Amino acid sequence: MTEKIDWKQELLDSSKFNKKHKNLLKNGTKSLTDSWLLGVLYNRWKKLTGIREQRSPDYSSSFQVWNKKVEDADKCHS
């Protein structure tokens, strides 16, 4: 079972913020730019707590291999 983490409160407790940041963390967003800033604050919290996202696998070479197989199959059927 996972516990629910209040990252906004943890971030407020950990550092000093300007009035805008405090307002966003306490009251939420009202515009698209507020959402972007809140995303930045979330990433700051993750960095402070040492949380790292796993990188997405690189599938580009797999597509190149598949594409070559398709081209080779077309050549065989021609």
C-alpha atoms as a PDB file:
ATOM      1  CA  MET A   1       0.000   0.000   0.000  1.00  0.00           C
ATOM      2  CA  THR A   2       1.350   3.422  -0.879  1.00  0.00           C
ATOM      3  CA  GLU A   3       1.063   6.371   1.414  1.00  0.00           C
ATOM      4  CA  LYS A   4      -0.193   9.706   0.179  1.00  0.00           C
ATOM      5  CA  ILE A   5       2.523  12.357   0.257  1.00  0.00           C
ATOM      6  CA  ASP A   6       1.635  16.022   0.637  1.00  0.00           C
ATOM      7  CA  TRP A   7       4.500  17.332  -1.474  1.00  0.00           C
ATOM      8  CA  LYS A   8       3.173  20.891  -1.391  1.00  0.00           C
ATOM      9  CA  GLN A   9       3.287  21.036   2.401  1.00  0.00           C
ATOM     10  CA  GLU A  10       6.716  19.382   2.485  1.00  0.00           C
ATOM     11  CA  LEU A  11       8.002  21.979   0.042  1.00  0.00           C
ATOM     12  CA  LEU A  12       6.501  24.837   2.040  1.00  0.00           C
ATOM     13  CA  ASP A  13       8.139  23.497   5.210  1.00  0.00           C
ATOM     14  CA  SER A  14      11.559  23.067   3.571  1.00  0.00           C
ATOM     15  CA  SER A  15      12.343  26.499   2.090  1.00  0.00           C
ATOM     16  CA  LYS A  16      11.463  30.161   1.932  1.00  0.00           C
ATOM     17  CA  PHE A  17       9.227  31.190  -0.919  1.00  0.00           C
ATOM     18  CA  ASN A  18       7.913  34.406  -2.319  1.00  0.00           C
ATOM     19  CA  LYS A  19       4.260  35.339  -1.991  1.00  0.00           C
ATOM     20  CA  LYS A  20       3.337  33.921  -5.425  1.00  0.00           C
ATOM     21  CA  HIS A  21       4.875  30.499  -4.691  1.00  0.00           C
ATOM     22  CA  LYS A  22       3.155  30.267  -1.310  1.00  0.00           C
ATOM     23  CA  ASN A  23      -0.171  31.209  -2.881  1.00  0.00           C
ATOM     24  CA  LEU A  24       0.205  28.552  -5.591  1.00  0.00           C
ATOM     25  CA  LEU A  25       1.169  25.851  -3.116  1.00  0.00           C
ATOM     26  CA  LYS A  26      -1.696  26.679  -0.772  1.00  0.00           C
ATOM     27  CA  ASN A  27      -4.510  27.668  -3.159  1.00  0.00           C
ATOM     28  CA  GLY A  28      -3.703  26.010  -6.487  1.00  0.00           C
ATOM     29  CA  THR A  29      -3.575  27.423  -9.985  1.00  0.00           C
ATOM     30  CA  LYS A  30      -5.767  29.892 -11.815  1.00  0.00           C
ATOM     31  CA  SER A  31      -4.012  30.038 -15.198  1.00  0.00           C
ATOM     32  CA  LEU A  32      -1.817  28.057 -17.547  1.00  0.00           C
ATOM     33  CA  THR A  33       1.330  29.901 -16.448  1.00  0.00           C
ATOM     34  CA  ASP A  34       0.453  29.131 -12.816  1.00  0.00           C
ATOM     35  CA  SER A  35       0.308  25.458 -13.796  1.00  0.00           C
ATOM     36  CA  TRP A  36       3.758  25.678 -15.356  1.00  0.00           C
ATOM     37  CA  LEU A  37       5.155  27.322 -12.243  1.00  0.00           C
ATOM     38  CA  LEU A  38       3.533  24.700 -10.031  1.00  0.00           C
ATOM     39  CA  GLY A  39       5.186  22.041 -12.193  1.00  0.00           C
ATOM     40  CA  VAL A  40       8.541  23.736 -11.615  1.00  0.00           C
ATOM     41  CA  LEU A  41       7.894  23.733  -7.871  1.00  0.00           C
ATOM     42  CA  TYR A  42       6.996  20.024  -8.016  1.00  0.00           C
ATOM     43  CA  ASN A  43      10.253  19.283  -9.817  1.00  0.00           C
ATOM     44  CA  ARG A  44      12.115  21.300  -7.156  1.00  0.00           C
ATOM     45  CA  TRP A  45      10.485  19.152  -4.457  1.00  0.00           C
ATOM     46  CA  LYS A  46      11.471  15.954  -6.284  1.00  0.00           C
ATOM     47  CA  LYS A  47      15.051  17.193  -6.533  1.00  0.00           C
ATOM     48  CA  LEU A  48      15.143  18.098  -2.828  1.00  0.00           C
ATOM     49  CA  THR A  49      13.831  14.669  -1.823  1.00  0.00           C
ATOM     50  CA  GLY A  50      16.082  12.780  -4.237  1.00  0.00           C
ATOM     51  CA  ILE A  51      13.279  11.312  -6.342  1.00  0.00           C
ATOM     52  CA  ARG A  52      14.474  10.451  -9.849  1.00  0.00           C
ATOM     53  CA  GLU A  53      12.243   9.528 -12.735  1.00  0.00           C
ATOM     54  CA  GLN A  54      13.212   6.561 -14.862  1.00  0.00           C
ATOM     55  CA  ARG A  55      14.178   7.555 -18.350  1.00  0.00           C
ATOM     56  CA  SER A  56      12.025   6.349 -21.206  1.00  0.00           C
ATOM     57  CA  PRO A  57      13.662   3.635 -23.272  1.00  0.00           C
ATOM     58  CA  ASP A  58      15.043   4.674 -26.649  1.00  0.00           C
ATOM     59  CA  TYR A  59      12.949   2.885 -29.259  1.00  0.00           C
ATOM     60  CA  SER A  60      14.397   4.664 -32.281  1.00  0.00           C
ATOM     61  CA  SER A  61      16.773   1.815 -33.148  1.00  0.00           C
ATOM     62  CA  SER A  62      13.899  -0.672 -32.869  1.00  0.00           C
ATOM     63  CA  PHE A  63      11.947   1.347 -35.423  1.00  0.00           C
ATOM     64  CA  GLN A  64      14.946   1.400 -37.747  1.00  0.00           C
ATOM     65  CA  VAL A  65      15.263  -2.395 -37.482  1.00  0.00           C
ATOM     66  CA  TRP A  66      11.528  -2.833 -38.144  1.00  0.00           C
ATOM     67  CA  ASN A  67      11.632  -0.423 -41.069  1.00  0.00           C
ATOM     68  CA  LYS A  68      14.561  -2.337 -42.623  1.00  0.00           C
ATOM     69  CA  LYS A  69      12.632  -5.610 -42.267  1.00  0.00           C
ATOM     70  CA  VAL A  70       9.653  -4.060 -44.050  1.00  0.00           C
ATOM     71  CA  GLU A  71      11.861  -2.775 -46.870  1.00  0.00           C
ATOM     72  CA  ASP A  72      13.541  -6.183 -47.210  1.00  0.00           C
ATOM     73  CA  ALA A  73      10.150  -7.912 -47.283  1.00  0.00           C
ATOM     74  CA  ASP A  74       8.981  -5.528 -50.021  1.00  0.00           C
ATOM     75  CA  LYS A  75      12.093  -6.347 -52.075  1.00  0.00           C
ATOM     76  CA  CYS A  76      11.440 -10.082 -51.728  1.00  0.00           C
ATOM     77  CA  HIS A  77       7.816  -9.757 -52.874  1.00  0.00           C
ATOM     78  CA  SER A  78       8.651  -7.577 -55.890  1.00  0.00           C
END
